[in-house]
Protein backbone atom coordinates (compact mmCIF):
# COMPACT_ATOMS: atom_id res chain seq x y z
CA UNK A 1 0.00 0.00 0.00
CA UNK A 2 1.12 3.57 -0.69
CA UNK A 3 1.27 6.36 1.88
CA UNK A 4 -1.86 8.43 2.38
CA UNK A 5 -1.67 11.22 -0.19
CA UNK A 6 -2.51 14.84 0.57
CA UNK A 7 -5.67 16.15 -1.14
CA UNK A 8 -5.57 16.96 -4.84
CA UNK A 9 -5.13 20.72 -4.95
CA UNK A 10 -5.23 23.29 -7.71
CA UNK A 11 -1.51 22.99 -8.39
CA UNK A 12 -1.73 19.25 -9.06
CA UNK A 13 -4.72 19.73 -11.38
CA UNK A 14 -2.96 22.42 -13.40
CA UNK A 15 0.38 20.61 -13.59
CA UNK A 16 -1.25 17.30 -14.50
CA UNK A 17 -3.36 19.05 -17.13
CA UNK A 18 -0.42 20.97 -18.59
CA UNK A 19 1.25 17.68 -19.49
CA UNK A 20 -1.31 17.08 -22.21
CA UNK A 21 -0.08 20.11 -24.18
CA UNK A 22 2.52 17.78 -25.72
CA UNK A 23 -0.07 15.35 -27.03
CA UNK A 24 -2.38 18.17 -28.08
CA UNK A 25 0.33 19.79 -30.21
CA UNK A 26 1.26 16.48 -31.81
CA UNK A 27 -2.32 15.37 -32.40
CA UNK A 28 -3.45 18.69 -33.87
CA UNK A 29 -0.60 18.64 -36.36
CA UNK A 30 -1.32 15.03 -37.33
CA UNK A 31 -5.06 15.62 -37.65
CA UNK A 32 -5.22 18.96 -39.42
CA UNK A 33 -1.93 19.65 -41.21
CA UNK A 34 0.01 16.46 -41.92
CA UNK A 35 -2.15 15.13 -44.75
CA UNK A 36 -2.40 18.43 -46.59
CA UNK A 37 1.34 19.12 -46.08
CA UNK A 38 2.51 15.83 -47.55
CA UNK A 39 -0.11 15.57 -50.29
CA UNK A 40 -0.85 19.15 -51.40
CA UNK A 41 2.50 20.80 -50.58
CA UNK A 42 5.11 18.05 -50.98
CA UNK A 43 3.17 16.18 -53.68
CA UNK A 44 2.79 12.74 -52.10
CA UNK A 45 -0.25 10.79 -53.29
CA UNK A 46 -3.10 11.11 -50.73
CA UNK A 47 -3.55 7.35 -50.79
CA UNK A 48 0.16 6.79 -50.03
CA UNK A 49 0.09 9.41 -47.27
CA UNK A 50 -2.96 7.73 -45.74
CA UNK A 51 -1.28 4.33 -46.06
CA UNK A 52 1.87 5.53 -44.28
CA UNK A 53 -0.12 6.91 -41.37
CA UNK A 54 -2.24 3.77 -41.19
CA UNK A 55 0.84 1.51 -41.08
CA UNK A 56 2.20 3.62 -38.25
CA UNK A 57 -1.08 3.02 -36.45
CA UNK A 58 -0.62 -0.74 -36.80
CA UNK A 59 2.76 -0.34 -35.10
CA UNK A 60 0.92 1.47 -32.30
CA UNK A 61 -1.50 -1.43 -31.96
CA UNK A 62 1.50 -3.52 -30.91
CA UNK A 63 3.57 -0.99 -28.99
CA UNK A 64 0.84 0.74 -26.96
CA UNK A 65 -0.26 -2.22 -24.80
CA UNK A 66 3.38 -3.30 -24.37
CA UNK A 67 4.35 0.14 -23.10
CA UNK A 68 1.30 0.15 -20.81
CA UNK A 69 2.18 -3.28 -19.42
CA UNK A 70 5.85 -2.27 -19.08
CA UNK A 71 4.86 0.87 -17.17
CA UNK A 72 2.53 -1.08 -14.86
CA UNK A 73 5.31 -3.56 -14.05
CA UNK A 74 8.16 -1.09 -13.54
CA UNK A 75 9.66 -0.68 -10.07
CA UNK A 76 12.09 2.18 -9.47
CA UNK A 77 12.89 4.94 -7.00
CA UNK A 78 10.93 7.24 -9.33
CA UNK A 79 7.89 4.97 -9.29
CA UNK A 80 6.22 3.26 -12.24
CA UNK A 81 5.53 6.24 -14.51
CA UNK A 82 8.16 8.98 -14.21
CA UNK A 83 11.14 7.16 -15.79
CA UNK A 84 9.20 6.86 -19.06
CA UNK A 85 7.94 10.43 -18.89
CA UNK A 86 11.39 11.96 -18.38
CA UNK A 87 13.06 9.79 -21.03
CA UNK A 88 10.64 10.68 -23.83
CA UNK A 89 10.94 14.48 -23.68
CA UNK A 90 13.92 15.25 -25.93
CA UNK A 91 13.66 12.37 -28.46
CA UNK A 92 10.01 13.03 -29.32
CA UNK A 93 10.65 16.76 -29.76
CA UNK A 94 13.55 16.12 -32.17
CA UNK A 95 11.59 13.53 -34.14
CA UNK A 96 8.57 15.81 -34.45
CA UNK A 97 10.70 18.64 -35.85
CA UNK A 98 12.17 16.49 -38.64
CA UNK A 99 8.71 15.22 -39.57
CA UNK A 100 8.01 18.74 -40.87
CA UNK A 101 11.53 19.32 -42.29
CA UNK A 102 12.37 16.21 -44.33
CA UNK A 103 16.15 16.17 -45.08
CA UNK A 104 15.58 14.12 -48.23
CA UNK A 105 14.82 14.53 -51.91
CA UNK A 106 11.10 15.28 -51.71
CA UNK A 107 10.70 14.92 -55.49
CA UNK A 108 11.16 11.16 -55.05
CA UNK A 109 7.73 9.90 -53.97
CA UNK A 110 9.12 6.59 -52.67
CA UNK A 111 11.65 8.35 -50.44
CA UNK A 112 8.96 10.72 -49.23
CA UNK A 113 6.61 7.85 -48.40
CA UNK A 114 9.21 6.02 -46.30
CA UNK A 115 10.29 9.22 -44.58
CA UNK A 116 6.68 9.91 -43.58
CA UNK A 117 6.26 6.31 -42.43
CA UNK A 118 9.47 6.21 -40.37
CA UNK A 119 9.02 9.65 -38.84
CA UNK A 120 5.41 8.97 -37.93
CA UNK A 121 6.28 5.67 -36.26
CA UNK A 122 9.03 7.43 -34.31
CA UNK A 123 6.78 10.24 -33.11
CA UNK A 124 3.97 7.85 -32.21
CA UNK A 125 6.18 5.49 -30.22
CA UNK A 126 7.99 8.25 -28.35
CA UNK A 127 4.79 10.11 -27.47
CA UNK A 128 3.41 6.75 -26.27
CA UNK A 129 6.31 6.47 -23.81
CA UNK A 130 5.09 9.72 -22.26
CA UNK A 131 1.33 9.85 -22.79
CA UNK A 132 0.37 6.42 -21.44
CA UNK A 133 2.25 6.69 -18.12
CA UNK A 134 1.26 10.34 -17.70
CA UNK A 135 -2.45 9.83 -18.39
CA UNK A 136 -2.51 6.68 -16.24
CA UNK A 137 -1.71 8.81 -13.20
CA UNK A 138 -5.34 9.96 -13.00
CA UNK A 139 -6.40 6.59 -11.56
CA UNK A 140 -3.61 6.83 -8.96
CA UNK A 141 -3.92 10.50 -8.04
CA UNK A 142 -7.56 10.06 -6.95
CA UNK A 143 -10.17 7.32 -6.66
CA UNK A 144 -13.11 9.74 -6.35
CA UNK A 145 -15.77 9.19 -9.04
CA UNK A 146 -16.33 12.90 -9.72
CA UNK A 147 -12.83 14.18 -9.02
CA UNK A 148 -11.48 11.97 -11.78
CA UNK A 149 -13.78 13.69 -14.25
CA UNK A 150 -12.69 17.12 -12.97
CA UNK A 151 -9.00 16.18 -13.16
CA UNK A 152 -9.43 14.92 -16.71
CA UNK A 153 -11.26 18.13 -17.54
CA UNK A 154 -8.01 20.01 -16.93
CA UNK A 155 -6.13 17.39 -18.91
CA UNK A 156 -8.31 17.76 -21.97
CA UNK A 157 -8.55 21.54 -21.70
CA UNK A 158 -4.76 21.88 -21.81
CA UNK A 159 -4.51 19.28 -24.56
CA UNK A 160 -6.86 21.27 -26.74
CA UNK A 161 -5.21 24.56 -25.77
CA UNK A 162 -1.83 23.20 -26.84
CA UNK A 163 -3.16 22.05 -30.18
CA UNK A 164 -5.26 25.16 -30.76
CA UNK A 165 -2.40 27.50 -29.89
CA UNK A 166 -0.21 25.90 -32.55
CA UNK A 167 -3.16 25.80 -34.97
CA UNK A 168 -3.79 29.51 -34.45
CA UNK A 169 -0.10 30.38 -34.84
CA UNK A 170 0.07 28.27 -37.98
CA UNK A 171 -2.62 30.26 -39.78
CA UNK A 172 -1.86 33.64 -38.21
CA UNK A 173 1.94 33.50 -38.62
CA UNK A 174 3.56 30.45 -40.23
CA UNK A 175 0.96 29.78 -42.96
CA UNK A 176 -0.50 33.27 -43.30
CA UNK A 177 -1.65 34.33 -46.77
CA UNK A 178 0.99 36.27 -48.69
CA UNK A 179 1.58 37.72 -52.12
CA UNK A 180 3.67 34.70 -53.08
CA UNK A 181 1.13 32.26 -51.62
CA UNK A 182 -2.44 33.70 -51.66
CA UNK A 183 -3.47 30.48 -49.91
CA UNK A 184 -0.93 30.25 -47.08
CA UNK A 185 -1.53 26.55 -46.42
CA UNK A 186 0.43 25.81 -49.61
CA UNK A 187 3.60 27.64 -48.42
CA UNK A 188 6.24 24.93 -47.71
CA UNK A 189 8.58 27.18 -45.69
CA UNK A 190 5.93 27.84 -43.04
CA UNK A 191 5.69 24.19 -42.06
CA UNK A 192 9.37 23.99 -41.05
CA UNK A 193 9.00 26.92 -38.66
CA UNK A 194 5.78 25.39 -37.36
CA UNK A 195 7.63 22.12 -36.64
CA UNK A 196 10.38 23.88 -34.68
CA UNK A 197 8.01 25.84 -32.43
CA UNK A 198 5.78 22.78 -31.92
CA UNK A 199 8.79 20.65 -30.94
CA UNK A 200 9.82 23.19 -28.28
CA UNK A 201 6.29 23.24 -26.85
CA UNK A 202 6.22 19.43 -26.68
CA UNK A 203 9.53 19.32 -24.82
CA UNK A 204 8.56 21.99 -22.27
CA UNK A 205 5.16 20.42 -21.61
CA UNK A 206 6.62 17.00 -20.81
CA UNK A 207 9.44 18.30 -18.61
CA UNK A 208 7.32 20.81 -16.63
CA UNK A 209 4.47 18.37 -15.97
CA UNK A 210 6.74 15.45 -15.05
CA UNK A 211 8.83 17.55 -12.68
CA UNK A 212 5.72 19.21 -11.23
CA UNK A 213 4.24 15.82 -10.26
CA UNK A 214 7.51 14.38 -8.95
CA UNK A 215 6.55 15.07 -5.31
CA UNK A 216 3.49 12.80 -5.72
CA UNK A 217 5.63 9.71 -6.41
CA UNK A 218 5.63 8.47 -2.76
CA UNK A 219 1.82 8.43 -2.77
CA UNK A 220 1.37 6.51 -6.02
CA UNK A 221 0.85 2.76 -6.21
CA UNK A 222 4.06 0.77 -6.17
CA UNK A 223 4.71 -2.62 -7.74
CA UNK A 224 5.12 -5.35 -5.14
CA UNK A 225 8.29 -7.41 -5.37
CA UNK A 226 7.42 -10.73 -6.98
CA UNK A 227 9.09 -13.48 -8.89
CA UNK A 228 9.44 -13.02 -12.66
CA UNK A 229 6.50 -14.56 -14.47
CA UNK A 230 6.94 -16.79 -17.50
CA UNK A 231 5.93 -15.30 -20.84
CA UNK A 232 2.93 -17.64 -21.02
CA UNK A 233 1.62 -16.28 -17.71
CA UNK A 234 2.15 -12.67 -18.85
CA UNK A 235 0.18 -13.38 -22.04
CA UNK A 236 -2.59 -14.97 -19.99
CA UNK A 237 -2.76 -11.94 -17.67
CA UNK A 238 -2.96 -9.59 -20.64
CA UNK A 239 -5.76 -11.64 -22.17
CA UNK A 240 -7.71 -11.67 -18.90
CA UNK A 241 -7.39 -7.90 -18.47
CA UNK A 242 -8.26 -6.96 -22.03
CA UNK A 243 -11.28 -9.28 -22.12
CA UNK A 244 -13.09 -7.20 -19.49
CA UNK A 245 -16.59 -6.59 -20.85
CA UNK A 246 -16.75 -2.96 -19.79
CA UNK A 247 -13.32 -2.33 -21.24
CA UNK A 248 -14.28 -3.91 -24.56
CA UNK A 249 -17.45 -1.81 -24.82
CA UNK A 250 -15.57 1.39 -24.02
CA UNK A 251 -12.63 0.57 -26.26
CA UNK A 252 -14.87 -0.23 -29.21
CA UNK A 253 -16.85 3.01 -28.80
CA UNK A 254 -13.68 5.04 -28.31
CA UNK A 255 -12.01 3.65 -31.43
CA UNK A 256 -15.07 4.16 -33.64
CA UNK A 257 -15.66 7.70 -32.37
CA UNK A 258 -11.95 8.47 -32.80
CA UNK A 259 -12.11 7.28 -36.40
CA UNK A 260 -15.15 9.53 -36.93
CA UNK A 261 -13.22 12.39 -35.37
CA UNK A 262 -10.28 11.55 -37.61
CA UNK A 263 -12.41 11.75 -40.74
CA UNK A 264 -13.82 15.06 -39.54
CA UNK A 265 -10.49 16.64 -38.58
CA UNK A 266 -8.59 15.42 -41.64
CA UNK A 267 -11.29 16.81 -43.89
CA UNK A 268 -11.61 19.98 -41.82
CA UNK A 269 -8.95 21.94 -43.67
CA UNK A 270 -10.16 20.62 -47.03
CA UNK A 271 -13.75 21.60 -46.17
CA UNK A 272 -12.77 25.03 -44.82
CA UNK A 273 -10.32 25.79 -47.67
CA UNK A 274 -12.09 24.30 -50.69
CA UNK A 275 -15.74 23.70 -49.76
CA UNK A 276 -16.40 26.95 -47.86
CA UNK A 277 -13.48 28.79 -49.53
CA UNK A 278 -12.31 30.34 -46.26
CA UNK A 279 -8.99 32.19 -46.26
CA UNK A 280 -6.40 31.85 -43.48
CA UNK A 281 -7.78 34.98 -41.77
CA UNK A 282 -11.24 33.35 -41.61
CA UNK A 283 -9.83 30.13 -40.20
CA UNK A 284 -8.10 32.18 -37.49
CA UNK A 285 -11.52 33.34 -36.22
CA UNK A 286 -12.78 29.77 -36.14
CA UNK A 287 -9.67 28.61 -34.29
CA UNK A 288 -9.90 31.47 -31.76
CA UNK A 289 -13.47 30.47 -30.89
CA UNK A 290 -12.35 26.96 -30.03
CA UNK A 291 -10.42 28.19 -26.98
CA UNK A 292 -13.82 28.83 -25.42
CA UNK A 293 -14.95 25.31 -26.35
CA UNK A 294 -12.30 23.62 -24.23
CA UNK A 295 -13.23 25.65 -21.14
CA UNK A 296 -16.96 25.04 -21.64
CA UNK A 297 -16.33 21.30 -21.96
CA UNK A 298 -14.13 21.26 -18.85
CA UNK A 299 -17.00 22.66 -16.75
CA UNK A 300 -19.85 20.95 -18.61
CA UNK A 301 -18.53 17.37 -18.46
CA UNK A 302 -18.62 17.07 -14.61
CA UNK A 303 -22.07 18.69 -14.55
CA UNK A 304 -23.39 16.17 -17.08
CA UNK A 305 -21.90 13.13 -15.32
CA UNK A 306 -23.24 14.33 -11.96
CA UNK A 307 -26.71 14.69 -13.49
CA UNK A 308 -26.86 11.63 -15.77
CA UNK A 309 -23.88 9.43 -14.79
CA UNK A 310 -20.99 8.87 -17.18
CA UNK A 311 -22.49 6.31 -19.56
CA UNK A 312 -25.69 8.24 -20.26
CA UNK A 313 -23.74 11.49 -20.68
CA UNK A 314 -21.54 9.87 -23.34
CA UNK A 315 -24.56 8.45 -25.17
CA UNK A 316 -26.27 11.86 -25.24
CA UNK A 317 -23.21 13.49 -26.79
CA UNK A 318 -22.87 10.69 -29.38
CA UNK A 319 -26.51 11.06 -30.40
CA UNK A 320 -26.19 14.83 -30.89
CA UNK A 321 -22.85 14.51 -32.74
CA UNK A 322 -24.36 12.00 -35.15
CA UNK A 323 -26.52 14.81 -36.57
CA UNK A 324 -24.49 17.90 -35.76
CA UNK A 325 -21.09 17.13 -37.32
CA UNK A 326 -22.27 16.76 -40.92
CA UNK A 327 -25.19 19.20 -40.73
CA UNK A 328 -23.69 22.26 -42.54
CA UNK A 329 -22.29 20.25 -45.47
CA UNK A 330 -25.51 18.24 -45.81
CA UNK A 331 -27.68 21.37 -45.71
CA UNK A 332 -25.47 23.10 -48.29
CA UNK A 333 -25.89 20.14 -50.65
CA UNK A 334 -29.66 20.40 -50.14
CA UNK A 335 -29.58 24.16 -50.79
CA UNK A 336 -30.47 25.33 -47.26
CA UNK A 337 -27.12 26.82 -46.14
CA UNK A 338 -25.73 30.31 -46.91
CA UNK A 339 -23.54 30.63 -50.01
CA UNK A 340 -19.79 31.19 -49.77
CA UNK A 341 -20.15 34.92 -50.45
CA UNK A 342 -22.73 35.39 -47.68
CA UNK A 343 -21.77 37.39 -44.58
CA UNK A 344 -23.68 34.84 -42.48
CA UNK A 345 -21.46 31.91 -43.44
CA UNK A 346 -18.45 32.65 -41.22
CA UNK A 347 -20.45 33.40 -38.01
CA UNK A 348 -22.52 30.25 -38.52
CA UNK A 349 -19.41 28.11 -39.01
CA UNK A 350 -17.69 29.69 -36.01
CA UNK A 351 -20.66 28.67 -33.85
CA UNK A 352 -20.97 25.23 -35.43
CA UNK A 353 -17.30 24.26 -35.13
CA UNK A 354 -17.10 25.67 -31.61
CA UNK A 355 -20.01 23.45 -30.52
CA UNK A 356 -18.44 20.54 -32.42
CA UNK A 357 -15.17 20.83 -30.51
CA UNK A 358 -17.04 21.17 -27.21
CA UNK A 359 -18.55 17.75 -27.90
CA UNK A 360 -15.16 16.32 -28.88
CA UNK A 361 -13.61 17.42 -25.60
CA UNK A 362 -16.55 16.06 -23.59
CA UNK A 363 -16.07 12.75 -25.44
CA UNK A 364 -12.51 12.52 -24.22
CA UNK A 365 -13.13 13.62 -20.64
CA UNK A 366 -16.06 11.29 -19.99
CA UNK A 367 -14.59 8.27 -21.79
CA UNK A 368 -11.25 8.56 -19.97
CA UNK A 369 -13.04 8.94 -16.65
CA UNK A 370 -15.07 5.81 -17.41
CA UNK A 371 -11.83 4.00 -18.23
CA UNK A 372 -10.29 5.00 -14.88
CA UNK A 373 -13.23 3.38 -13.09
CA UNK A 374 -12.45 0.04 -14.74
CA UNK A 375 -9.11 -0.05 -12.89
CA UNK A 376 -10.71 -0.89 -9.54
CA UNK A 377 -13.09 -3.42 -11.10
CA UNK A 378 -10.09 -5.19 -12.62
CA UNK A 379 -8.18 -5.01 -9.31
CA UNK A 380 -11.11 -6.70 -7.56
CA UNK A 381 -11.18 -9.48 -10.11
CA UNK A 382 -7.47 -10.19 -10.60
CA UNK A 383 -5.67 -8.38 -7.78
CA UNK A 384 -3.62 -6.27 -10.23
CA UNK A 385 -3.65 -2.53 -10.85
CA UNK A 386 -3.07 -2.03 -14.56
CA UNK A 387 -3.73 1.64 -15.25
CA UNK A 388 -1.06 1.75 -17.95
CA UNK A 389 -2.52 -1.14 -19.90
CA UNK A 390 -6.03 0.33 -19.86
CA UNK A 391 -4.90 3.81 -20.78
CA UNK A 392 -2.77 2.37 -23.56
CA UNK A 393 -6.11 1.46 -25.12
CA UNK A 394 -7.31 5.03 -24.67
CA UNK A 395 -4.14 6.39 -26.28
CA UNK A 396 -4.50 3.91 -29.12
CA UNK A 397 -8.07 5.10 -29.70
CA UNK A 398 -6.91 8.71 -29.83
CA UNK A 399 -4.21 7.79 -32.32
CA UNK A 400 -6.85 6.17 -34.49
CA UNK A 401 -8.01 9.76 -35.00
CA UNK A 402 -5.03 10.40 -37.26
CA UNK A 403 -4.53 6.79 -38.37
CA UNK A 404 -7.64 5.03 -39.62
CA UNK A 405 -9.38 8.39 -40.03
CA UNK A 406 -6.53 9.66 -42.17
CA UNK A 407 -6.52 6.45 -44.20
CA UNK A 408 -10.26 6.82 -44.92
CA UNK A 409 -9.76 10.48 -45.78
CA UNK A 410 -6.92 9.61 -48.17
CA UNK A 411 -8.95 6.86 -49.86
CA UNK A 412 -11.97 9.13 -50.25
CA UNK A 413 -9.86 11.90 -51.78
CA UNK A 414 -8.32 9.38 -54.17
CA UNK A 415 -11.66 7.85 -55.15
CA UNK A 416 -13.29 11.19 -55.94
CA UNK A 417 -10.10 12.25 -57.75
CA UNK A 418 -9.73 15.42 -55.73
CA UNK A 419 -7.12 17.56 -57.56
CA UNK A 420 -3.74 18.29 -55.97
CA UNK A 421 -2.01 21.65 -55.75
CA UNK A 422 -5.09 23.70 -56.72
CA UNK A 423 -6.21 27.00 -55.24
CA UNK A 424 -9.62 27.52 -53.59
CA UNK A 425 -12.31 28.18 -56.18
CA UNK A 426 -10.57 26.07 -58.82
CA UNK A 427 -11.82 22.66 -57.66
CA UNK A 428 -14.45 21.21 -60.02
CA UNK A 429 -17.97 21.38 -58.64
CA UNK A 430 -18.38 17.65 -59.15
CA UNK A 431 -15.42 16.87 -56.87
CA UNK A 432 -16.77 19.16 -54.15
CA UNK A 433 -20.21 17.57 -54.40
CA UNK A 434 -18.75 14.07 -54.06
CA UNK A 435 -16.68 15.21 -51.07
CA UNK A 436 -19.78 16.49 -49.28
CA UNK A 437 -21.95 13.47 -50.14
CA UNK A 438 -19.38 11.02 -48.75
CA UNK A 439 -18.39 13.16 -45.75
CA UNK A 440 -21.86 13.36 -44.19
CA UNK A 441 -23.01 9.72 -44.22
CA UNK A 442 -19.60 8.40 -43.12
CA UNK A 443 -19.69 10.52 -39.94
CA UNK A 444 -23.32 9.65 -39.15
CA UNK A 445 -22.73 5.89 -39.46
CA UNK A 446 -19.55 6.00 -37.34
CA UNK A 447 -21.15 7.94 -34.47
CA UNK A 448 -24.21 5.67 -34.53
CA UNK A 449 -21.90 2.64 -34.26
CA UNK A 450 -20.07 4.21 -31.30
CA UNK A 451 -23.41 4.95 -29.61
CA UNK A 452 -24.41 1.29 -29.88
CA UNK A 453 -21.04 0.12 -28.59
CA UNK A 454 -20.98 2.26 -25.45
CA UNK A 455 -24.47 1.09 -24.49
CA UNK A 456 -22.85 -2.18 -23.29
CA UNK A 457 -20.77 -0.39 -20.59
CA UNK A 458 -22.13 -1.26 -17.14
CA UNK A 459 -20.18 0.51 -14.33
CA UNK A 460 -22.38 3.06 -12.51
CA UNK A 461 -21.59 5.48 -9.69
CA UNK A 462 -22.95 2.95 -7.17
CA UNK A 463 -20.87 0.10 -8.68
CA UNK A 464 -17.70 2.20 -8.40
CA UNK A 465 -18.41 3.05 -4.76
CA UNK A 466 -19.01 -0.64 -3.99
CA UNK A 467 -15.74 -1.61 -5.67
CA UNK A 468 -13.78 0.93 -3.62
CA UNK A 469 -15.47 -0.25 -0.41
CA UNK A 470 -14.65 -3.91 -1.04
CA UNK A 471 -11.02 -3.10 -1.92
CA UNK A 472 -10.66 -1.03 1.26
CA UNK A 473 -12.11 -3.83 3.42
CA UNK A 474 -9.82 -6.39 1.83
CA UNK A 475 -6.77 -4.21 2.42
CA UNK A 476 -7.87 -3.64 6.01
CA UNK A 477 -8.21 -7.39 6.57
CA UNK A 478 -4.76 -8.00 5.13
CA UNK A 479 -3.28 -5.37 7.47
CA UNK A 480 -4.97 -7.03 10.47
CA UNK A 481 -3.76 -10.49 9.48
CA UNK A 482 -0.23 -9.20 8.92
CA UNK A 483 -0.20 -7.48 12.34
CA UNK A 484 -1.48 -10.62 14.06
CA UNK A 485 1.12 -12.73 12.28
CA UNK A 486 3.90 -10.52 13.68
CA UNK A 487 2.79 -11.23 17.27
CA UNK A 488 3.74 -14.90 16.78
CA UNK A 489 7.40 -13.89 16.79
CA UNK A 490 7.29 -11.85 20.06
CA UNK A 491 8.50 -13.90 23.09
CA UNK A 492 6.02 -14.15 25.94
CA UNK A 493 2.95 -13.39 23.86
CA UNK A 494 0.46 -16.17 23.14
CA UNK A 495 -0.17 -17.09 19.56
CA UNK A 496 -3.29 -15.34 18.29
CA UNK A 497 -5.18 -16.84 15.39
CA UNK A 498 -7.13 -14.36 13.28
CA UNK A 499 -10.86 -14.95 13.03
CA UNK A 500 -12.24 -16.45 9.90
CA UNK A 501 -13.17 -13.55 7.64
CA UNK A 502 -16.14 -13.48 5.26
CA UNK A 503 -15.63 -13.60 1.54
CA UNK A 504 -16.10 -10.04 0.25
CA UNK A 505 -16.00 -10.93 -3.39
CA UNK A 506 -19.01 -10.58 -5.66
């Protein structure tokens, strides 16, 4: 057992939350800029770009649970999580910079494909070494049902703020429209500067958060000394943990919703640039409004889960998103949305995308909080705390946002033969129509599938409280038995046999 930790104060919430800036910066670049940079600017086929990012995701499918298991099993003077967090800081920053500044012959499409593949795998693996241990701390910092949601609210707010800050700087500074490039997103030099600044932000986020939580190490769960287990036993333990019914329901819903988010975010710049014909200055206004979204979601998520519990809150958001995400494009195709030269278009899209991001952040907060509650259920069943392994699944689902979602986006662009290297207003009307027709139904079907999947999750507020109570009683019994056992070795004291204790299992 760990020492009794002091209460979670404001400093811990802010420092823990600030650590997600690193992932937010990385994920925003992968979701919004990477596809258009490699396909429209560097000239790589969209299908090949999508394939490279999808193959990197397959690597994640293998590495994520291994890193989670490794983190859970690590024993050191810095605890289970901090060694990974400290180690990842510099390598991931360097790798992220070179992703946006390829030191190769970019005219060779084969070289460009393998550079994208290798760099993406490197960034994904190195960010995994930080993100899984860091996020897993939420289940160790507090066991309170509501406080976990509040703590994750800070985490997601900072994650979005990190990504949005770089997104805003990209369009306001690095990719701003110029005389040489009327559409700034096609300026290759801006992406290199973007990569440098983003890499510095990633490094500072990891170091500041890790160091800021260092004083909590004595209060975190420690791995008990035990004999090395054979590989067959390790595989069996992994299978038992990952076959948890609540975990499977949550993982399935998280992956499907992340893919839907990936389709939406990877198409976002295409839709804004080519479908709505927004300029960089317009996109800046949309991006600025999203800073409000993250704060609204941080406060709204705990209110929703307190009112409706976590499962019902997630289902409500899925149901609304199923209609909301594709509504403007669908209504434009039906002739009920303002034209591109209307003064109403930008304000409407600012409101729409702000509400859209609010839902995205609530997704993440509530789903991660639900995942943290599975930790105690699993501990009751198998006697093991495996926060890292469970949150590896959450990280994998988030990465699906820029993996499977990007692959689908690349395939769709290839199928509709969307032209490369063209300016807004020059895309054939037929290609834009096909883009809108495919975009809407794909999102609706994905969110409906996620809604069905999460309906199988079963842990309620009462279940979580019962799990904590049973774990506490078991630990108390073990302490009593251990204390009584020690009296057997004291001369002059009679041997005391502990009473037979009731079985507290379900």
